[in-house]
């Protein structure tokens, strides 16, 4: 047996936690959409996160989503985020 390579990658626990967090948000948003607490919503998230979120859209949530903004505003100050969203 020599120095071989494994075809199995290590589990990325950080990515798993991010995806679980996004799923938990979608559960709460879906509950709000189905109960009538939320009529519409604009989703703002990085493109990869939007991809994960879309996998968990229910019919009620699809109808409530007005727009998806695929942008990462995490490191911007609030006044700049407001300026970008207003434009």
PDB file of N, CA and C in Angstrom:
ATOM      1  N   UNK A   1       0.853  -1.171   0.000  1.00  0.00           N
ATOM      2  CA  UNK A   1       0.000   0.000   0.000  1.00  0.00           C
ATOM      3  C   UNK A   1       0.899   1.234   0.000  1.00  0.00           C
ATOM      4  N   UNK A   2       0.651   2.097  -0.933  1.00  0.00           N
ATOM      5  CA  UNK A   2       1.444   3.316  -1.030  1.00  0.00           C
ATOM      6  C   UNK A   2       0.613   4.534  -0.721  1.00  0.00           C
ATOM      7  N   UNK A   3       1.177   5.691  -0.992  1.00  0.00           N
ATOM      8  CA  UNK A   3       0.433   6.929  -0.733  1.00  0.00           C
ATOM      9  C   UNK A   3      -0.719   7.074  -1.738  1.00  0.00           C
ATOM     10  N   UNK A   4      -1.886   6.738  -1.325  1.00  0.00           N
ATOM     11  CA  UNK A   4      -3.062   6.809  -2.196  1.00  0.00           C
ATOM     12  C   UNK A   4      -3.923   8.006  -1.875  1.00  0.00           C
ATOM     13  N   UNK A   5      -4.884   8.215  -2.722  1.00  0.00           N
ATOM     14  CA  UNK A   5      -5.813   9.326  -2.511  1.00  0.00           C
ATOM     15  C   UNK A   5      -7.202   8.766  -2.270  1.00  0.00           C
ATOM     16  N   UNK A   6      -7.892   9.388  -1.401  1.00  0.00           N
ATOM     17  CA  UNK A   6      -9.250   8.971  -1.097  1.00  0.00           C
ATOM     18  C   UNK A   6     -10.223   9.724  -1.996  1.00  0.00           C
ATOM     19  N   UNK A   7     -11.244   9.054  -2.457  1.00  0.00           N
ATOM     20  CA  UNK A   7     -12.256   9.719  -3.277  1.00  0.00           C
ATOM     21  C   UNK A   7     -13.353  10.332  -2.420  1.00  0.00           C
ATOM     22  N   UNK A   8     -13.253  10.200  -1.121  1.00  0.00           N
ATOM     23  CA  UNK A   8     -14.243  10.742  -0.201  1.00  0.00           C
ATOM     24  C   UNK A   8     -13.680  12.007   0.431  1.00  0.00           C
ATOM     25  N   UNK A   9     -14.437  13.094   0.294  1.00  0.00           N
ATOM     26  CA  UNK A   9     -13.995  14.348   0.884  1.00  0.00           C
ATOM     27  C   UNK A   9     -14.407  14.408   2.348  1.00  0.00           C
ATOM     28  N   UNK A  10     -13.683  15.226   3.098  1.00  0.00           N
ATOM     29  CA  UNK A  10     -14.059  15.413   4.495  1.00  0.00           C
ATOM     30  C   UNK A  10     -15.349  16.224   4.567  1.00  0.00           C
ATOM     31  N   UNK A  11     -16.111  15.966   5.602  1.00  0.00           N
ATOM     32  CA  UNK A  11     -17.363  16.678   5.803  1.00  0.00           C
ATOM     33  C   UNK A  11     -17.067  18.127   6.171  1.00  0.00           C
ATOM     34  N   UNK A  12     -17.741  19.049   5.504  1.00  0.00           N
ATOM     35  CA  UNK A  12     -17.586  20.472   5.800  1.00  0.00           C
ATOM     36  C   UNK A  12     -18.695  20.869   6.771  1.00  0.00           C
ATOM     37  N   UNK A  13     -18.364  20.855   8.056  1.00  0.00           N
ATOM     38  CA  UNK A  13     -19.362  21.128   9.083  1.00  0.00           C
ATOM     39  C   UNK A  13     -19.850  22.572   9.043  1.00  0.00           C
ATOM     40  N   UNK A  14     -18.977  23.489   8.634  1.00  0.00           N
ATOM     41  CA  UNK A  14     -19.366  24.894   8.544  1.00  0.00           C
ATOM     42  C   UNK A  14     -20.468  25.072   7.494  1.00  0.00           C
ATOM     43  N   UNK A  15     -20.308  24.445   6.341  1.00  0.00           N
ATOM     44  CA  UNK A  15     -21.323  24.530   5.291  1.00  0.00           C
ATOM     45  C   UNK A  15     -22.617  23.875   5.744  1.00  0.00           C
ATOM     46  N   UNK A  16     -22.516  22.762   6.427  1.00  0.00           N
ATOM     47  CA  UNK A  16     -23.713  22.095   6.938  1.00  0.00           C
ATOM     48  C   UNK A  16     -24.478  22.986   7.908  1.00  0.00           C
ATOM     49  N   UNK A  17     -23.745  23.684   8.787  1.00  0.00           N
ATOM     50  CA  UNK A  17     -24.397  24.577   9.743  1.00  0.00           C
ATOM     51  C   UNK A  17     -25.060  25.754   9.031  1.00  0.00           C
ATOM     52  N   UNK A  18     -24.406  26.296   8.008  1.00  0.00           N
ATOM     53  CA  UNK A  18     -25.002  27.396   7.248  1.00  0.00           C
ATOM     54  C   UNK A  18     -26.295  26.953   6.584  1.00  0.00           C
ATOM     55  N   UNK A  19     -26.280  25.763   5.980  1.00  0.00           N
ATOM     56  CA  UNK A  19     -27.468  25.267   5.305  1.00  0.00           C
ATOM     57  C   UNK A  19     -28.591  24.964   6.294  1.00  0.00           C
ATOM     58  N   UNK A  20     -28.253  24.466   7.466  1.00  0.00           N
ATOM     59  CA  UNK A  20     -29.262  24.210   8.496  1.00  0.00           C
ATOM     60  C   UNK A  20     -29.868  25.533   8.977  1.00  0.00           C
ATOM     61  N   UNK A  21     -29.042  26.555   9.115  1.00  0.00           N
ATOM     62  CA  UNK A  21     -29.528  27.886   9.498  1.00  0.00           C
ATOM     63  C   UNK A  21     -30.505  28.420   8.450  1.00  0.00           C
ATOM     64  N   UNK A  22     -30.147  28.288   7.175  1.00  0.00           N
ATOM     65  CA  UNK A  22     -31.025  28.760   6.101  1.00  0.00           C
ATOM     66  C   UNK A  22     -32.335  27.981   6.078  1.00  0.00           C
ATOM     67  N   UNK A  23     -32.278  26.675   6.319  1.00  0.00           N
ATOM     68  CA  UNK A  23     -33.505  25.871   6.373  1.00  0.00           C
ATOM     69  C   UNK A  23     -34.405  26.335   7.518  1.00  0.00           C
ATOM     70  N   UNK A  24     -33.799  26.642   8.663  1.00  0.00           N
ATOM     71  CA  UNK A  24     -34.605  27.096   9.809  1.00  0.00           C
ATOM     72  C   UNK A  24     -35.274  28.433   9.507  1.00  0.00           C
ATOM     73  N   UNK A  25     -34.598  29.298   8.772  1.00  0.00           N
ATOM     74  CA  UNK A  25     -35.201  30.576   8.378  1.00  0.00           C
ATOM     75  C   UNK A  25     -36.382  30.326   7.450  1.00  0.00           C
ATOM     76  N   UNK A  26     -36.216  29.399   6.517  1.00  0.00           N
ATOM     77  CA  UNK A  26     -37.286  29.117   5.570  1.00  0.00           C
ATOM     78  C   UNK A  26     -38.518  28.542   6.269  1.00  0.00           C
ATOM     79  N   UNK A  27     -38.322  27.744   7.287  1.00  0.00           N
ATOM     80  CA  UNK A  27     -39.451  27.199   8.050  1.00  0.00           C
ATOM     81  C   UNK A  27     -40.243  28.333   8.698  1.00  0.00           C
ATOM     82  N   UNK A  28     -39.521  29.297   9.279  1.00  0.00           N
ATOM     83  CA  UNK A  28     -40.185  30.430   9.928  1.00  0.00           C
ATOM     84  C   UNK A  28     -40.888  31.328   8.913  1.00  0.00           C
ATOM     85  N   UNK A  29     -40.226  31.571   7.772  1.00  0.00           N
ATOM     86  CA  UNK A  29     -40.837  32.400   6.739  1.00  0.00           C
ATOM     87  C   UNK A  29     -42.075  31.724   6.151  1.00  0.00           C
ATOM     88  N   UNK A  30     -42.001  30.422   5.956  1.00  0.00           N
ATOM     89  CA  UNK A  30     -43.141  29.694   5.423  1.00  0.00           C
ATOM     90  C   UNK A  30     -44.322  29.743   6.388  1.00  0.00           C
ATOM     91  N   UNK A  31     -44.039  29.596   7.671  1.00  0.00           N
ATOM     92  CA  UNK A  31     -45.110  29.671   8.668  1.00  0.00           C
ATOM     93  C   UNK A  31     -45.764  31.051   8.647  1.00  0.00           C
ATOM     94  N   UNK A  32     -44.963  32.103   8.504  1.00  0.00           N
ATOM     95  CA  UNK A  32     -45.504  33.462   8.449  1.00  0.00           C
ATOM     96  C   UNK A  32     -46.330  33.675   7.185  1.00  0.00           C
ATOM     97  N   UNK A  33     -45.869  33.109   6.068  1.00  0.00           N
ATOM     98  CA  UNK A  33     -46.601  33.259   4.806  1.00  0.00           C
ATOM     99  C   UNK A  33     -47.925  32.500   4.855  1.00  0.00           C
ATOM    100  N   UNK A  34     -47.923  31.307   5.411  1.00  0.00           N
ATOM    101  CA  UNK A  34     -49.143  30.500   5.457  1.00  0.00           C
ATOM    102  C   UNK A  34     -50.165  31.041   6.449  1.00  0.00           C
ATOM    103  N   UNK A  35     -49.685  31.674   7.522  1.00  0.00           N
ATOM    104  CA  UNK A  35     -50.614  32.208   8.518  1.00  0.00           C
ATOM    105  C   UNK A  35     -51.152  33.589   8.145  1.00  0.00           C
ATOM    106  N   UNK A  36     -50.588  34.197   7.116  1.00  0.00           N
ATOM    107  CA  UNK A  36     -51.046  35.512   6.697  1.00  0.00           C
ATOM    108  C   UNK A  36     -50.338  36.662   7.391  1.00  0.00           C
ATOM    109  N   UNK A  37     -49.358  36.368   8.226  1.00  0.00           N
ATOM    110  CA  UNK A  37     -48.598  37.421   8.906  1.00  0.00           C
ATOM    111  C   UNK A  37     -47.720  38.195   7.930  1.00  0.00           C
ATOM    112  N   UNK A  38     -47.401  37.579   6.799  1.00  0.00           N
ATOM    113  CA  UNK A  38     -46.518  38.194   5.819  1.00  0.00           C
ATOM    114  C   UNK A  38     -47.197  38.106   4.457  1.00  0.00           C
ATOM    115  N   UNK A  39     -47.377  39.253   3.818  1.00  0.00           N
ATOM    116  CA  UNK A  39     -47.993  39.259   2.498  1.00  0.00           C
ATOM    117  C   UNK A  39     -46.950  39.152   1.397  1.00  0.00           C
ATOM    118  N   UNK A  40     -45.811  39.811   1.594  1.00  0.00           N
ATOM    119  CA  UNK A  40     -44.749  39.754   0.599  1.00  0.00           C
ATOM    120  C   UNK A  40     -43.404  39.943   1.289  1.00  0.00           C
ATOM    121  N   UNK A  41     -42.361  39.518   0.573  1.00  0.00           N
ATOM    122  CA  UNK A  41     -41.013  39.611   1.124  1.00  0.00           C
ATOM    123  C   UNK A  41     -40.014  39.768  -0.018  1.00  0.00           C
ATOM    124  N   UNK A  42     -38.941  40.489   0.262  1.00  0.00           N
ATOM    125  CA  UNK A  42     -37.810  40.590  -0.654  1.00  0.00           C
ATOM    126  C   UNK A  42     -36.655  39.875   0.026  1.00  0.00           C
ATOM    127  N   UNK A  43     -36.103  38.881  -0.627  1.00  0.00           N
ATOM    128  CA  UNK A  43     -35.001  38.091  -0.070  1.00  0.00           C
ATOM    129  C   UNK A  43     -33.693  38.684  -0.571  1.00  0.00           C
ATOM    130  N   UNK A  44     -32.812  39.047   0.348  1.00  0.00           N
ATOM    131  CA  UNK A  44     -31.492  39.573   0.014  1.00  0.00           C
ATOM    132  C   UNK A  44     -30.466  38.637   0.640  1.00  0.00           C
ATOM    133  N   UNK A  45     -29.655  38.002  -0.211  1.00  0.00           N
ATOM    134  CA  UNK A  45     -28.662  37.047   0.278  1.00  0.00           C
ATOM    135  C   UNK A  45     -27.624  36.808  -0.814  1.00  0.00           C
ATOM    136  N   UNK A  46     -26.474  36.277  -0.437  1.00  0.00           N
ATOM    137  CA  UNK A  46     -25.477  35.917  -1.450  1.00  0.00           C
ATOM    138  C   UNK A  46     -26.041  34.852  -2.393  1.00  0.00           C
ATOM    139  N   UNK A  47     -25.538  34.774  -3.622  1.00  0.00           N
ATOM    140  CA  UNK A  47     -26.079  33.831  -4.603  1.00  0.00           C
ATOM    141  C   UNK A  47     -26.124  32.375  -4.121  1.00  0.00           C
ATOM    142  N   UNK A  48     -25.103  31.909  -3.434  1.00  0.00           N
ATOM    143  CA  UNK A  48     -25.091  30.525  -2.963  1.00  0.00           C
ATOM    144  C   UNK A  48     -26.200  30.290  -1.949  1.00  0.00           C
ATOM    145  N   UNK A  49     -26.430  31.274  -1.087  1.00  0.00           N
ATOM    146  CA  UNK A  49     -27.490  31.155  -0.086  1.00  0.00           C
ATOM    147  C   UNK A  49     -28.866  31.167  -0.746  1.00  0.00           C
ATOM    148  N   UNK A  50     -29.037  32.000  -1.773  1.00  0.00           N
ATOM    149  CA  UNK A  50     -30.311  32.032  -2.503  1.00  0.00           C
ATOM    150  C   UNK A  50     -30.585  30.652  -3.102  1.00  0.00           C
ATOM    151  N   UNK A  51     -29.547  30.008  -3.623  1.00  0.00           N
ATOM    152  CA  UNK A  51     -29.710  28.669  -4.188  1.00  0.00           C
ATOM    153  C   UNK A  51     -30.203  27.669  -3.160  1.00  0.00           C
ATOM    154  N   UNK A  52     -29.674  27.742  -1.944  1.00  0.00           N
ATOM    155  CA  UNK A  52     -30.123  26.848  -0.875  1.00  0.00           C
ATOM    156  C   UNK A  52     -31.552  27.193  -0.467  1.00  0.00           C
ATOM    157  N   UNK A  53     -31.851  28.480  -0.373  1.00  0.00           N
ATOM    158  CA  UNK A  53     -33.189  28.906   0.026  1.00  0.00           C
ATOM    159  C   UNK A  53     -34.248  28.460  -0.981  1.00  0.00           C
ATOM    160  N   UNK A  54     -33.945  28.573  -2.259  1.00  0.00           N
ATOM    161  CA  UNK A  54     -34.911  28.196  -3.297  1.00  0.00           C
ATOM    162  C   UNK A  54     -35.324  26.732  -3.188  1.00  0.00           C
ATOM    163  N   UNK A  55     -34.437  25.890  -2.735  1.00  0.00           N
ATOM    164  CA  UNK A  55     -34.745  24.469  -2.601  1.00  0.00           C
ATOM    165  C   UNK A  55     -35.852  24.232  -1.580  1.00  0.00           C
ATOM    166  N   UNK A  56     -36.061  25.188  -0.681  1.00  0.00           N
ATOM    167  CA  UNK A  56     -37.017  25.015   0.409  1.00  0.00           C
ATOM    168  C   UNK A  56     -38.245  25.915   0.291  1.00  0.00           C
ATOM    169  N   UNK A  57     -38.419  26.570  -0.860  1.00  0.00           N
ATOM    170  CA  UNK A  57     -39.615  27.385  -1.068  1.00  0.00           C
ATOM    171  C   UNK A  57     -40.841  26.475  -1.125  1.00  0.00           C
ATOM    172  N   UNK A  58     -41.865  26.849  -0.409  1.00  0.00           N
ATOM    173  CA  UNK A  58     -43.154  26.181  -0.529  1.00  0.00           C
ATOM    174  C   UNK A  58     -44.029  27.029  -1.452  1.00  0.00           C
ATOM    175  N   UNK A  59     -45.203  26.535  -1.766  1.00  0.00           N
ATOM    176  CA  UNK A  59     -46.091  27.279  -2.660  1.00  0.00           C
ATOM    177  C   UNK A  59     -46.448  28.649  -2.067  1.00  0.00           C
ATOM    178  N   UNK A  60     -46.772  28.673  -0.785  1.00  0.00           N
ATOM    179  CA  UNK A  60     -47.141  29.935  -0.130  1.00  0.00           C
ATOM    180  C   UNK A  60     -45.975  30.918  -0.141  1.00  0.00           C
ATOM    181  N   UNK A  61     -44.789  30.411   0.077  1.00  0.00           N
ATOM    182  CA  UNK A  61     -43.618  31.287   0.111  1.00  0.00           C
ATOM    183  C   UNK A  61     -43.256  31.781  -1.284  1.00  0.00           C
ATOM    184  N   UNK A  62     -43.403  30.933  -2.300  1.00  0.00           N
ATOM    185  CA  UNK A  62     -43.140  31.369  -3.678  1.00  0.00           C
ATOM    186  C   UNK A  62     -44.039  32.534  -4.053  1.00  0.00           C
ATOM    187  N   UNK A  63     -45.280  32.483  -3.610  1.00  0.00           N
ATOM    188  CA  UNK A  63     -46.213  33.568  -3.919  1.00  0.00           C
ATOM    189  C   UNK A  63     -45.869  34.840  -3.160  1.00  0.00           C
ATOM    190  N   UNK A  64     -45.265  34.716  -1.985  1.00  0.00           N
ATOM    191  CA  UNK A  64     -44.934  35.887  -1.168  1.00  0.00           C
ATOM    192  C   UNK A  64     -43.641  36.575  -1.610  1.00  0.00           C
ATOM    193  N   UNK A  65     -42.737  35.839  -2.249  1.00  0.00           N
ATOM    194  CA  UNK A  65     -41.447  36.420  -2.643  1.00  0.00           C
ATOM    195  C   UNK A  65     -41.663  37.375  -3.814  1.00  0.00           C
ATOM    196  N   UNK A  66     -41.424  38.652  -3.550  1.00  0.00           N
ATOM    197  CA  UNK A  66     -41.562  39.684  -4.583  1.00  0.00           C
ATOM    198  C   UNK A  66     -40.318  39.750  -5.460  1.00  0.00           C
ATOM    199  N   UNK A  67     -39.161  39.615  -4.800  1.00  0.00           N
ATOM    200  CA  UNK A  67     -37.894  39.763  -5.520  1.00  0.00           C
ATOM    201  C   UNK A  67     -36.793  39.074  -4.736  1.00  0.00           C
ATOM    202  N   UNK A  68     -35.777  38.638  -5.463  1.00  0.00           N
ATOM    203  CA  UNK A  68     -34.573  38.083  -4.851  1.00  0.00           C
ATOM    204  C   UNK A  68     -33.401  38.962  -5.274  1.00  0.00           C
ATOM    205  N   UNK A  69     -32.667  39.475  -4.305  1.00  0.00           N
ATOM    206  CA  UNK A  69     -31.484  40.279  -4.587  1.00  0.00           C
ATOM    207  C   UNK A  69     -30.282  39.413  -4.239  1.00  0.00           C
ATOM    208  N   UNK A  70     -29.531  39.024  -5.263  1.00  0.00           N
ATOM    209  CA  UNK A  70     -28.386  38.144  -5.060  1.00  0.00           C
ATOM    210  C   UNK A  70     -27.126  38.985  -4.869  1.00  0.00           C
ATOM    211  N   UNK A  71     -26.940  39.436  -3.657  1.00  0.00           N
ATOM    212  CA  UNK A  71     -25.809  40.305  -3.340  1.00  0.00           C
ATOM    213  C   UNK A  71     -25.423  40.055  -1.891  1.00  0.00           C
ATOM    214  N   UNK A  72     -24.137  40.158  -1.596  1.00  0.00           N
ATOM    215  CA  UNK A  72     -23.648  39.973  -0.239  1.00  0.00           C
ATOM    216  C   UNK A  72     -23.375  41.339   0.377  1.00  0.00           C
ATOM    217  N   UNK A  73     -24.264  41.763   1.267  1.00  0.00           N
ATOM    218  CA  UNK A  73     -24.144  43.065   1.919  1.00  0.00           C
ATOM    219  C   UNK A  73     -23.639  42.956   3.353  1.00  0.00           C
ATOM    220  N   UNK A  74     -23.085  41.837   3.727  1.00  0.00           N
ATOM    221  CA  UNK A  74     -22.726  41.577   5.124  1.00  0.00           C
ATOM    222  C   UNK A  74     -21.738  42.589   5.688  1.00  0.00           C
ATOM    223  N   UNK A  75     -20.738  42.967   4.928  1.00  0.00           N
ATOM    224  CA  UNK A  75     -19.692  43.836   5.476  1.00  0.00           C
ATOM    225  C   UNK A  75     -19.910  45.314   5.175  1.00  0.00           C
ATOM    226  N   UNK A  76     -21.098  45.662   4.670  1.00  0.00           N
ATOM    227  CA  UNK A  76     -21.388  47.059   4.366  1.00  0.00           C
ATOM    228  C   UNK A  76     -22.102  47.722   5.535  1.00  0.00           C
ATOM    229  N   UNK A  77     -21.884  49.008   5.734  1.00  0.00           N
ATOM    230  CA  UNK A  77     -22.658  49.723   6.757  1.00  0.00           C
ATOM    231  C   UNK A  77     -24.111  49.856   6.311  1.00  0.00           C
ATOM    232  N   UNK A  78     -24.992  50.043   7.259  1.00  0.00           N
ATOM    233  CA  UNK A  78     -26.435  50.069   6.996  1.00  0.00           C
ATOM    234  C   UNK A  78     -26.802  51.145   5.980  1.00  0.00           C
ATOM    235  N   UNK A  79     -26.209  52.335   6.086  1.00  0.00           N
ATOM    236  CA  UNK A  79     -26.589  53.409   5.172  1.00  0.00           C
ATOM    237  C   UNK A  79     -26.258  53.056   3.719  1.00  0.00           C
ATOM    238  N   UNK A  80     -25.177  52.299   3.484  1.00  0.00           N
ATOM    239  CA  UNK A  80     -24.849  51.884   2.118  1.00  0.00           C
ATOM    240  C   UNK A  80     -25.805  50.797   1.622  1.00  0.00           C
ATOM    241  N   UNK A  81     -26.187  49.908   2.505  1.00  0.00           N
ATOM    242  CA  UNK A  81     -27.153  48.869   2.132  1.00  0.00           C
ATOM    243  C   UNK A  81     -28.470  49.526   1.724  1.00  0.00           C
ATOM    244  N   UNK A  82     -28.919  50.502   2.514  1.00  0.00           N
ATOM    245  CA  UNK A  82     -30.146  51.217   2.196  1.00  0.00           C
ATOM    246  C   UNK A  82     -30.052  51.908   0.832  1.00  0.00           C
ATOM    247  N   UNK A  83     -28.885  52.505   0.559  1.00  0.00           N
ATOM    248  CA  UNK A  83     -28.691  53.191  -0.715  1.00  0.00           C
ATOM    249  C   UNK A  83     -28.766  52.207  -1.888  1.00  0.00           C
ATOM    250  N   UNK A  84     -28.156  51.036  -1.737  1.00  0.00           N
ATOM    251  CA  UNK A  84     -28.183  50.034  -2.815  1.00  0.00           C
ATOM    252  C   UNK A  84     -29.584  49.491  -3.033  1.00  0.00           C
ATOM    253  N   UNK A  85     -30.304  49.251  -1.958  1.00  0.00           N
ATOM    254  CA  UNK A  85     -31.645  48.677  -2.086  1.00  0.00           C
ATOM    255  C   UNK A  85     -32.649  49.696  -2.610  1.00  0.00           C
ATOM    256  N   UNK A  86     -32.441  50.971  -2.315  1.00  0.00           N
ATOM    257  CA  UNK A  86     -33.349  52.004  -2.789  1.00  0.00           C
ATOM    258  C   UNK A  86     -33.188  52.243  -4.289  1.00  0.00           C
ATOM    259  N   UNK A  87     -32.006  51.954  -4.799  1.00  0.00           N
ATOM    260  CA  UNK A  87     -31.738  52.194  -6.238  1.00  0.00           C
ATOM    261  C   UNK A  87     -32.332  51.185  -7.117  1.00  0.00           C
TER     262      UNK A  87
END
